[in-house]
C-alpha atoms as a PDB file:
ATOM      1  CA  MET A   1     -23.803 -55.995 -10.800  1.00  0.00           C
ATOM      2  CA  SER A   2     -22.614 -54.002  -8.148  1.00  0.00           C
ATOM      3  CA  MET A   3     -22.412 -50.230  -8.054  1.00  0.00           C
ATOM      4  CA  THR A   4     -20.271 -47.879  -6.026  1.00  0.00           C
ATOM      5  CA  VAL A   5     -22.268 -45.067  -4.788  1.00  0.00           C
ATOM      6  CA  GLY A   6     -20.363 -41.439  -3.284  1.00  0.00           C
ATOM      7  CA  LYS A   7     -16.551 -41.235  -3.213  1.00  0.00           C
ATOM      8  CA  THR A   8     -14.282 -43.765  -4.718  1.00  0.00           C
ATOM      9  CA  SER A   9     -11.241 -41.788  -4.101  1.00  0.00           C
ATOM     10  CA  THR A  10      -9.570 -38.982  -1.715  1.00  0.00           C
ATOM     11  CA  GLU A  11      -7.661 -37.562  -4.423  1.00  0.00           C
ATOM     12  CA  PRO A  12      -9.725 -34.165  -4.852  1.00  0.00           C
ATOM     13  CA  GLU A  13      -9.855 -34.055  -1.210  1.00  0.00           C
ATOM     14  CA  LEU A  14      -6.398 -34.191  -0.924  1.00  0.00           C
ATOM     15  CA  ASP A  15      -5.648 -31.676  -4.088  1.00  0.00           C
ATOM     16  CA  VAL A  16      -8.166 -28.926  -1.672  1.00  0.00           C
ATOM     17  CA  ARG A  17      -6.325 -29.935   1.280  1.00  0.00           C
ATOM     18  CA  THR A  18      -2.826 -29.619  -0.277  1.00  0.00           C
ATOM     19  CA  ARG A  19      -3.615 -26.132  -1.992  1.00  0.00           C
ATOM     20  CA  CYS A  20      -5.172 -24.833   1.171  1.00  0.00           C
ATOM     21  CA  ASP A  21      -2.319 -25.844   2.964  1.00  0.00           C
ATOM     22  CA  GLN A  22      -0.350 -24.084   0.353  1.00  0.00           C
ATOM     23  CA  TRP A  23      -2.223 -20.640   0.958  1.00  0.00           C
ATOM     24  CA  GLN A  24      -1.742 -20.634   4.477  1.00  0.00           C
ATOM     25  CA  LYS A  25       2.282 -21.111   4.304  1.00  0.00           C
ATOM     26  CA  LEU A  26       2.160 -18.369   2.156  1.00  0.00           C
ATOM     27  CA  ALA A  27       0.173 -16.232   4.315  1.00  0.00           C
ATOM     28  CA  ARG A  28       2.143 -16.635   7.188  1.00  0.00           C
ATOM     29  CA  LEU A  29       5.650 -16.488   5.251  1.00  0.00           C
ATOM     30  CA  LEU A  30       4.196 -12.777   3.711  1.00  0.00           C
ATOM     31  CA  LYS A  31       3.672 -12.126   7.870  1.00  0.00           C
ATOM     32  CA  GLN A  32       6.871 -13.415   8.691  1.00  0.00           C
ATOM     33  CA  ALA A  33       8.556 -11.348   6.183  1.00  0.00           C
ATOM     34  CA  ALA A  34       6.576  -7.960   6.569  1.00  0.00           C
ATOM     35  CA  ASP A  35       7.241  -8.788  10.309  1.00  0.00           C
ATOM     36  CA  LYS A  36      11.195  -8.536   9.624  1.00  0.00           C
ATOM     37  CA  GLN A  37      10.713  -6.110   6.928  1.00  0.00           C
ATOM     38  CA  ASP A  38      12.665  -8.323   4.813  1.00  0.00           C
ATOM     39  CA  TRP A  39      11.593  -6.566   1.441  1.00  0.00           C
ATOM     40  CA  GLU A  40      13.191  -8.425  -0.440  1.00  0.00           C
ATOM     41  CA  GLN A  41      11.735 -11.928   0.494  1.00  0.00           C
ATOM     42  CA  LEU A  42       8.407 -10.272   0.595  1.00  0.00           C
ATOM     43  CA  ARG A  43       8.785  -9.170  -3.366  1.00  0.00           C
ATOM     44  CA  LYS A  44      10.241 -13.047  -3.751  1.00  0.00           C
ATOM     45  CA  LEU A  45       6.649 -13.770  -1.899  1.00  0.00           C
ATOM     46  CA  ASP A  46       4.386 -11.970  -3.654  1.00  0.00           C
ATOM     47  CA  MET A  47       5.404 -12.718  -6.998  1.00  0.00           C
ATOM     48  CA  ALA A  48       5.421 -16.548  -5.868  1.00  0.00           C
ATOM     49  CA  MET A  49       1.793 -16.098  -4.520  1.00  0.00           C
ATOM     50  CA  ARG A  50       0.711 -14.598  -7.837  1.00  0.00           C
ATOM     51  CA  GLN A  51       1.936 -17.219  -9.889  1.00  0.00           C
ATOM     52  CA  ARG A  52       0.216 -20.014  -8.027  1.00  0.00           C
ATOM     53  CA  LEU A  53      -2.867 -17.991  -7.852  1.00  0.00           C
ATOM     54  CA  GLU A  54      -3.054 -17.632 -11.368  1.00  0.00           C
ATOM     55  CA  GLN A  55      -2.260 -21.279 -12.317  1.00  0.00           C
ATOM     56  CA  ALA A  56      -4.695 -22.599  -9.368  1.00  0.00           C
ATOM     57  CA  GLY A  57      -7.455 -20.523 -11.783  1.00  0.00           C
ATOM     58  CA  ARG A  58     -10.840 -20.116  -9.136  1.00  0.00           C
ATOM     59  CA  ALA A  59     -11.080 -21.954  -5.926  1.00  0.00           C
ATOM     60  CA  GLN A  60     -14.309 -23.779  -6.397  1.00  0.00           C
ATOM     61  CA  ASP A  61     -14.180 -25.113  -2.913  1.00  0.00           C
ATOM     62  CA  PRO A  62     -15.335 -23.461   0.425  1.00  0.00           C
ATOM     63  CA  ALA A  63     -12.183 -24.465   2.618  1.00  0.00           C
ATOM     64  CA  GLU A  64      -9.890 -23.553  -0.217  1.00  0.00           C
ATOM     65  CA  GLN A  65     -11.968 -20.112  -0.662  1.00  0.00           C
ATOM     66  CA  HIS A  66     -11.503 -19.067   2.902  1.00  0.00           C
ATOM     67  CA  ALA A  67      -7.878 -19.993   2.680  1.00  0.00           C
ATOM     68  CA  ARG A  68      -7.547 -17.658  -0.125  1.00  0.00           C
ATOM     69  CA  ARG A  69      -9.320 -14.851   1.908  1.00  0.00           C
ATOM     70  CA  LEU A  70      -6.630 -15.489   4.547  1.00  0.00           C
ATOM     71  CA  LEU A  71      -3.738 -15.470   2.136  1.00  0.00           C
ATOM     72  CA  ALA A  72      -5.547 -12.033   1.196  1.00  0.00           C
ATOM     73  CA  ASP A  73      -5.647 -10.626   4.519  1.00  0.00           C
ATOM     74  CA  SER A  74      -2.138 -11.679   5.014  1.00  0.00           C
ATOM     75  CA  HIS A  75      -1.075 -10.032   1.775  1.00  0.00           C
ATOM     76  CA  ARG A  76      -3.085  -6.773   2.835  1.00  0.00           C
ATOM     77  CA  ARG A  77      -1.615  -6.568   6.142  1.00  0.00           C
ATOM     78  CA  ALA A  78       1.920  -7.001   4.395  1.00  0.00           C
ATOM     79  CA  LEU A  79       1.239  -4.364   2.052  1.00  0.00           C
ATOM     80  CA  HIS A  80       0.691  -1.606   4.852  1.00  0.00           C
ATOM     81  CA  GLN A  81       3.387  -2.538   6.437  1.00  0.00           C
ATOM     82  CA  VAL A  82       5.372  -1.846   3.313  1.00  0.00           C
ATOM     83  CA  VAL A  83       3.202   1.444   2.633  1.00  0.00           C
ATOM     84  CA  SER A  84       3.772   2.542   6.530  1.00  0.00           C
ATOM     85  CA  ALA A  85       7.640   1.732   6.508  1.00  0.00           C
ATOM     86  CA  ARG A  86       8.506   3.880   2.983  1.00  0.00           C
ATOM     87  CA  ASP A  87       6.049   6.621   4.638  1.00  0.00           C
ATOM     88  CA  GLU A  88       8.066   6.571   7.803  1.00  0.00           C
ATOM     89  CA  LEU A  89      11.544   6.390   5.466  1.00  0.00           C
ATOM     90  CA  ALA A  90      10.246   9.258   3.543  1.00  0.00           C
ATOM     91  CA  GLY A  91       9.728  11.389   6.344  1.00  0.00           C
ATOM     92  CA  ARG A  92      13.188  10.806   7.707  1.00  0.00           C
ATOM     93  CA  MET A  93      14.961  11.260   4.387  1.00  0.00           C
ATOM     94  CA  GLN A  94      12.570  14.656   4.353  1.00  0.00           C
ATOM     95  CA  LYS A  95      13.734  15.521   7.829  1.00  0.00           C
ATOM     96  CA  LEU A  96      17.297  15.092   6.858  1.00  0.00           C
ATOM     97  CA  ARG A  97      17.129  17.075   3.899  1.00  0.00           C
ATOM     98  CA  GLN A  98      15.381  19.721   5.909  1.00  0.00           C
ATOM     99  CA  ASP A  99      18.441  19.346   9.036  1.00  0.00           C
ATOM    100  CA  LYS A 100      21.492  19.059   5.766  1.00  0.00           C
ATOM    101  CA  GLU A 101      19.750  22.735   4.510  1.00  0.00           C
ATOM    102  CA  GLY A 102      19.426  24.456   8.006  1.00  0.00           C
ATOM    103  CA  LEU A 103      22.697  23.122   8.928  1.00  0.00           C
ATOM    104  CA  SER A 104      24.276  24.757   5.893  1.00  0.00           C
ATOM    105  CA  ALA A 105      22.841  28.011   6.500  1.00  0.00           C
ATOM    106  CA  TYR A 106      24.140  28.085  10.153  1.00  0.00           C
ATOM    107  CA  GLU A 107      27.410  27.442   8.639  1.00  0.00           C
ATOM    108  CA  LEU A 108      26.853  30.415   6.159  1.00  0.00           C
ATOM    109  CA  THR A 109      25.978  32.648   8.554  1.00  0.00           C
ATOM    110  CA  LYS A 110      28.943  31.733  10.970  1.00  0.00           C
ATOM    111  CA  LEU A 111      31.165  32.132   8.741  1.00  0.00           C
ATOM    112  CA  SER A 112      29.980  35.643   7.665  1.00  0.00           C
ATOM    113  CA  GLY A 113      29.941  36.609  11.246  1.00  0.00           C
ATOM    114  CA  ASP A 114      33.559  36.121  11.607  1.00  0.00           C
END
């Protein structure tokens, strides 16, 4: 009777590789969307990432854990870009409001001086 020792199939290894590729692709897409300031695409990718992470469960393989850490880093950087863009826009809107108020006050003083 013969016995097989070790791996007889590389299927689990392929699954890990596929999942790692999936996380790396998501990280790359997050970066691209954030760099382009494509907030709608970024929102869709964020939702897809969350759904896939929930479905995948906890990563056991060190390679997949590493790929997920890289994904988390990309997500963190994209979030930082969103927050920075939001803050910049809020500042510009505030300046426009102030400029508008100043212009209105100027027009009122100009009219009263005529």
